[in-house]
Amino acid sequence: MRKFSLSLVVMGSLAVGLGSASAAEVTLGKFTPEQIKSACDKVGGKFSQDAQGYDCGTDCHGGAGTDCIVGCRGGDRCVAQVTGARRPRDILSALKAPPGAPR
């Protein structure tokens, strides 16, 4: 619970700290913990899960971090927090910036 709560705080802080022009929050579909973990492993992110939900955070460029996050609570739809004006439609595109994107 603590890890997931921390992720939600980080997501909220990013949204407030970076402003709407620098960060976007996008609602994705419903995904299982296994789906999130699998995508997280593919992009080199860090997966965490507790009683409240599960999430993955990356630096958007193939490593662990908090620049790109996908978080899911219970049976709710998952939310992606991404940098820039990107509008990802799936887990992988939310966790990894497109090739050539600035760091």
N, C-alpha and C. Protein backbone atom coordinates (compact mmCIF):
# COMPACT_ATOMS: atom_id res chain seq x y z
N MET A 1 0.82 -1.18 0.00
CA MET A 1 0.00 0.00 0.00
C MET A 1 0.87 1.25 0.00
N ARG A 2 1.95 1.21 0.73
CA ARG A 2 2.80 2.37 0.84
C ARG A 2 3.43 2.75 -0.50
N LYS A 3 3.91 1.74 -1.26
CA LYS A 3 4.54 2.01 -2.55
C LYS A 3 3.53 2.62 -3.53
N PHE A 4 2.32 2.03 -3.56
CA PHE A 4 1.31 2.53 -4.49
C PHE A 4 0.90 3.94 -4.11
N SER A 5 0.72 4.19 -2.81
CA SER A 5 0.36 5.52 -2.35
C SER A 5 1.43 6.53 -2.72
N LEU A 6 2.70 6.12 -2.58
CA LEU A 6 3.80 7.00 -2.96
C LEU A 6 3.74 7.32 -4.45
N SER A 7 3.43 6.32 -5.25
CA SER A 7 3.33 6.54 -6.69
C SER A 7 2.23 7.54 -7.02
N LEU A 8 1.10 7.44 -6.32
CA LEU A 8 0.01 8.39 -6.56
C LEU A 8 0.42 9.80 -6.15
N VAL A 9 1.17 9.92 -5.06
CA VAL A 9 1.66 11.22 -4.64
C VAL A 9 2.61 11.78 -5.69
N VAL A 10 3.51 10.93 -6.19
CA VAL A 10 4.44 11.36 -7.23
C VAL A 10 3.68 11.80 -8.47
N MET A 11 2.67 11.02 -8.87
CA MET A 11 1.89 11.37 -10.05
C MET A 11 1.22 12.73 -9.85
N GLY A 12 0.64 12.94 -8.68
CA GLY A 12 -0.02 14.21 -8.40
C GLY A 12 0.96 15.36 -8.38
N SER A 13 2.12 15.13 -7.79
CA SER A 13 3.14 16.17 -7.73
C SER A 13 3.64 16.54 -9.11
N LEU A 14 3.82 15.55 -9.96
CA LEU A 14 4.26 15.83 -11.32
C LEU A 14 3.23 16.66 -12.06
N ALA A 15 1.98 16.33 -11.88
CA ALA A 15 0.92 17.06 -12.58
C ALA A 15 0.88 18.51 -12.13
N VAL A 16 1.04 18.75 -10.84
CA VAL A 16 1.01 20.11 -10.32
C VAL A 16 2.31 20.83 -10.63
N GLY A 17 3.44 20.17 -10.39
CA GLY A 17 4.75 20.80 -10.55
C GLY A 17 5.11 21.12 -11.98
N LEU A 18 4.74 20.28 -12.89
CA LEU A 18 5.14 20.48 -14.28
C LEU A 18 4.12 21.27 -15.09
N GLY A 19 2.90 21.35 -14.63
CA GLY A 19 1.88 22.09 -15.36
C GLY A 19 1.33 21.29 -16.51
N SER A 20 0.21 21.73 -17.04
CA SER A 20 -0.48 20.97 -18.08
C SER A 20 0.29 20.91 -19.39
N ALA A 21 1.16 21.87 -19.65
CA ALA A 21 1.92 21.86 -20.90
C ALA A 21 3.05 20.85 -20.86
N SER A 22 3.54 20.51 -19.67
CA SER A 22 4.68 19.62 -19.56
C SER A 22 4.31 18.19 -19.23
N ALA A 23 3.13 17.95 -18.71
CA ALA A 23 2.73 16.60 -18.32
C ALA A 23 1.28 16.36 -18.70
N ALA A 24 0.98 15.11 -18.94
CA ALA A 24 -0.39 14.74 -19.29
C ALA A 24 -0.79 13.52 -18.48
N GLU A 25 -2.05 13.47 -18.10
CA GLU A 25 -2.61 12.32 -17.43
C GLU A 25 -3.67 11.74 -18.36
N VAL A 26 -3.50 10.47 -18.70
CA VAL A 26 -4.37 9.83 -19.68
C VAL A 26 -4.98 8.58 -19.06
N THR A 27 -6.29 8.43 -19.19
CA THR A 27 -6.96 7.23 -18.70
C THR A 27 -6.85 6.14 -19.75
N LEU A 28 -6.35 5.00 -19.33
CA LEU A 28 -6.22 3.84 -20.21
C LEU A 28 -7.31 2.84 -19.86
N GLY A 29 -7.29 1.67 -20.47
CA GLY A 29 -8.25 0.62 -20.15
C GLY A 29 -7.90 -0.07 -18.85
N LYS A 30 -8.60 -1.16 -18.59
CA LYS A 30 -8.31 -1.98 -17.41
C LYS A 30 -7.26 -3.01 -17.78
N PHE A 31 -6.26 -3.15 -16.92
CA PHE A 31 -5.18 -4.10 -17.15
C PHE A 31 -4.91 -4.88 -15.87
N THR A 32 -4.53 -6.13 -16.02
CA THR A 32 -4.20 -6.97 -14.88
C THR A 32 -2.79 -6.63 -14.40
N PRO A 33 -2.47 -7.03 -13.16
CA PRO A 33 -1.10 -6.82 -12.69
C PRO A 33 -0.07 -7.50 -13.60
N GLU A 34 -0.43 -8.66 -14.12
CA GLU A 34 0.49 -9.38 -15.01
C GLU A 34 0.76 -8.60 -16.29
N GLN A 35 -0.27 -7.97 -16.84
CA GLN A 35 -0.08 -7.18 -18.06
C GLN A 35 0.81 -5.97 -17.80
N ILE A 36 0.59 -5.31 -16.67
CA ILE A 36 1.41 -4.14 -16.33
C ILE A 36 2.85 -4.58 -16.09
N LYS A 37 3.05 -5.66 -15.32
CA LYS A 37 4.40 -6.15 -15.03
C LYS A 37 5.13 -6.56 -16.30
N SER A 38 4.44 -7.24 -17.21
CA SER A 38 5.06 -7.67 -18.46
C SER A 38 5.54 -6.47 -19.27
N ALA A 39 4.68 -5.46 -19.42
CA ALA A 39 5.06 -4.26 -20.16
C ALA A 39 6.20 -3.53 -19.44
N CYS A 40 6.12 -3.49 -18.12
CA CYS A 40 7.13 -2.83 -17.31
C CYS A 40 8.50 -3.48 -17.53
N ASP A 41 8.53 -4.80 -17.52
CA ASP A 41 9.78 -5.53 -17.75
C ASP A 41 10.35 -5.24 -19.14
N LYS A 42 9.47 -5.11 -20.14
CA LYS A 42 9.92 -4.86 -21.51
C LYS A 42 10.61 -3.51 -21.66
N VAL A 43 10.19 -2.53 -20.86
CA VAL A 43 10.76 -1.18 -21.01
C VAL A 43 11.76 -0.83 -19.91
N GLY A 44 12.10 -1.80 -19.07
CA GLY A 44 13.10 -1.56 -18.03
C GLY A 44 12.62 -0.75 -16.86
N GLY A 45 11.32 -0.76 -16.62
CA GLY A 45 10.75 0.01 -15.51
C GLY A 45 10.76 -0.75 -14.20
N LYS A 46 10.16 -0.13 -13.19
CA LYS A 46 10.06 -0.74 -11.87
C LYS A 46 8.59 -0.95 -11.54
N PHE A 47 8.21 -2.22 -11.33
CA PHE A 47 6.84 -2.61 -11.02
C PHE A 47 6.67 -2.71 -9.51
N SER A 48 5.54 -2.26 -9.00
CA SER A 48 5.22 -2.47 -7.59
C SER A 48 3.72 -2.76 -7.46
N GLN A 49 3.40 -3.52 -6.42
CA GLN A 49 2.02 -3.91 -6.18
C GLN A 49 1.79 -4.00 -4.68
N ASP A 50 0.59 -3.59 -4.25
CA ASP A 50 0.18 -3.75 -2.86
C ASP A 50 -1.33 -3.93 -2.82
N ALA A 51 -1.92 -3.87 -1.66
CA ALA A 51 -3.35 -4.13 -1.50
C ALA A 51 -4.22 -3.09 -2.22
N GLN A 52 -3.69 -1.90 -2.45
CA GLN A 52 -4.46 -0.82 -3.10
C GLN A 52 -4.43 -0.87 -4.62
N GLY A 53 -3.39 -1.46 -5.19
CA GLY A 53 -3.27 -1.49 -6.64
C GLY A 53 -1.86 -1.85 -7.07
N TYR A 54 -1.53 -1.46 -8.29
CA TYR A 54 -0.23 -1.81 -8.86
C TYR A 54 0.16 -0.74 -9.87
N ASP A 55 1.47 -0.60 -10.08
CA ASP A 55 1.93 0.42 -11.00
C ASP A 55 3.32 0.09 -11.54
N CYS A 56 3.71 0.86 -12.54
CA CYS A 56 5.05 0.77 -13.12
C CYS A 56 5.53 2.19 -13.39
N GLY A 57 6.77 2.44 -13.06
CA GLY A 57 7.37 3.74 -13.33
C GLY A 57 8.64 3.58 -14.13
N THR A 58 8.84 4.50 -15.08
CA THR A 58 10.05 4.49 -15.89
C THR A 58 10.57 5.92 -16.05
N ASP A 59 11.77 6.03 -16.60
CA ASP A 59 12.30 7.34 -16.95
C ASP A 59 11.91 7.71 -18.39
N CYS A 60 11.04 6.91 -18.99
CA CYS A 60 10.55 7.08 -20.37
C CYS A 60 11.58 6.67 -21.43
N HIS A 61 12.79 6.30 -21.00
CA HIS A 61 13.85 5.99 -21.96
C HIS A 61 14.55 4.68 -21.65
N GLY A 62 13.83 3.72 -21.06
CA GLY A 62 14.41 2.40 -20.85
C GLY A 62 14.99 2.13 -19.48
N GLY A 63 14.63 2.93 -18.49
CA GLY A 63 15.13 2.70 -17.14
C GLY A 63 14.07 3.03 -16.11
N ALA A 64 14.34 2.64 -14.87
CA ALA A 64 13.41 2.94 -13.78
C ALA A 64 13.38 4.45 -13.53
N GLY A 65 12.25 4.93 -13.07
CA GLY A 65 12.10 6.35 -12.77
C GLY A 65 10.64 6.69 -12.57
N THR A 66 10.34 7.97 -12.56
CA THR A 66 8.97 8.41 -12.34
C THR A 66 8.49 9.41 -13.39
N ASP A 67 9.17 9.52 -14.52
CA ASP A 67 8.73 10.43 -15.56
C ASP A 67 7.50 9.90 -16.29
N CYS A 68 7.42 8.59 -16.45
CA CYS A 68 6.27 7.94 -17.09
C CYS A 68 5.77 6.86 -16.14
N ILE A 69 4.51 6.94 -15.75
CA ILE A 69 3.93 6.01 -14.79
C ILE A 69 2.58 5.52 -15.29
N VAL A 70 2.31 4.24 -15.09
CA VAL A 70 0.98 3.69 -15.28
C VAL A 70 0.58 3.09 -13.95
N GLY A 71 -0.54 3.56 -13.39
CA GLY A 71 -1.02 3.08 -12.11
C GLY A 71 -2.45 2.60 -12.20
N CYS A 72 -2.76 1.51 -11.50
CA CYS A 72 -4.10 0.91 -11.52
C CYS A 72 -4.55 0.65 -10.09
N ARG A 73 -5.78 0.98 -9.79
CA ARG A 73 -6.36 0.73 -8.47
C ARG A 73 -7.51 -0.25 -8.61
N GLY A 74 -7.45 -1.35 -7.89
CA GLY A 74 -8.53 -2.32 -7.87
C GLY A 74 -9.07 -2.63 -9.26
N GLY A 75 -10.38 -2.53 -9.43
CA GLY A 75 -11.01 -2.81 -10.71
C GLY A 75 -11.18 -1.58 -11.59
N ASP A 76 -10.60 -0.46 -11.18
CA ASP A 76 -10.73 0.78 -11.95
C ASP A 76 -9.84 0.76 -13.19
N ARG A 77 -10.13 1.67 -14.08
CA ARG A 77 -9.26 1.83 -15.25
C ARG A 77 -7.93 2.39 -14.80
N CYS A 78 -6.89 2.07 -15.55
CA CYS A 78 -5.54 2.51 -15.23
C CYS A 78 -5.32 3.93 -15.76
N VAL A 79 -4.44 4.65 -15.09
CA VAL A 79 -4.11 6.03 -15.46
C VAL A 79 -2.63 6.11 -15.78
N ALA A 80 -2.31 6.77 -16.88
CA ALA A 80 -0.92 6.99 -17.27
C ALA A 80 -0.56 8.45 -17.03
N GLN A 81 0.59 8.67 -16.45
CA GLN A 81 1.14 10.01 -16.29
C GLN A 81 2.37 10.07 -17.18
N VAL A 82 2.36 10.94 -18.17
CA VAL A 82 3.45 11.02 -19.14
C VAL A 82 3.94 12.45 -19.29
N THR A 83 5.17 12.59 -19.75
CA THR A 83 5.73 13.91 -19.99
C THR A 83 5.27 14.43 -21.35
N GLY A 84 5.25 15.71 -21.49
CA GLY A 84 4.89 16.32 -22.76
C GLY A 84 3.41 16.19 -23.07
N ALA A 85 3.09 16.36 -24.32
CA ALA A 85 1.70 16.34 -24.76
C ALA A 85 1.31 15.00 -25.37
N ARG A 86 2.07 13.95 -25.06
CA ARG A 86 1.77 12.64 -25.63
C ARG A 86 0.41 12.14 -25.15
N ARG A 87 -0.24 11.37 -25.97
CA ARG A 87 -1.53 10.75 -25.64
C ARG A 87 -1.43 9.26 -25.93
N PRO A 88 -0.76 8.50 -25.04
CA PRO A 88 -0.60 7.06 -25.27
C PRO A 88 -1.93 6.33 -25.24
N ARG A 89 -2.01 5.24 -25.99
CA ARG A 89 -3.24 4.45 -26.04
C ARG A 89 -3.07 3.06 -25.42
N ASP A 90 -1.82 2.72 -25.08
CA ASP A 90 -1.57 1.42 -24.46
C ASP A 90 -0.46 1.55 -23.44
N ILE A 91 -0.19 0.47 -22.73
CA ILE A 91 0.79 0.49 -21.64
C ILE A 91 2.18 0.83 -22.15
N LEU A 92 2.63 0.13 -23.18
CA LEU A 92 4.00 0.35 -23.68
C LEU A 92 4.23 1.78 -24.14
N SER A 93 3.29 2.34 -24.87
CA SER A 93 3.49 3.71 -25.35
C SER A 93 3.41 4.73 -24.21
N ALA A 94 2.77 4.36 -23.10
CA ALA A 94 2.73 5.24 -21.94
C ALA A 94 4.04 5.21 -21.17
N LEU A 95 4.69 4.05 -21.15
CA LEU A 95 5.90 3.88 -20.35
C LEU A 95 7.19 4.20 -21.09
N LYS A 96 7.12 4.33 -22.40
CA LYS A 96 8.33 4.60 -23.17
C LYS A 96 8.05 5.70 -24.19
N ALA A 97 8.88 6.72 -24.17
CA ALA A 97 8.74 7.82 -25.13
C ALA A 97 9.08 7.33 -26.52
N PRO A 98 8.49 7.94 -27.55
CA PRO A 98 8.81 7.55 -28.92
C PRO A 98 10.29 7.81 -29.24
N PRO A 99 10.85 7.07 -30.18
CA PRO A 99 12.25 7.28 -30.56
C PRO A 99 12.49 8.75 -30.94
N GLY A 100 13.60 9.26 -30.52
CA GLY A 100 13.94 10.65 -30.83
C GLY A 100 13.38 11.67 -29.87
N ALA A 101 12.58 11.23 -28.90
CA ALA A 101 12.01 12.17 -27.92
C ALA A 101 13.13 12.66 -27.01
N PRO A 102 13.10 13.94 -26.65
CA PRO A 102 14.15 14.48 -25.79
C PRO A 102 14.10 13.87 -24.39
N ARG A 103 15.24 13.84 -23.75
CA ARG A 103 15.31 13.33 -22.36
C ARG A 103 15.02 14.42 -21.39
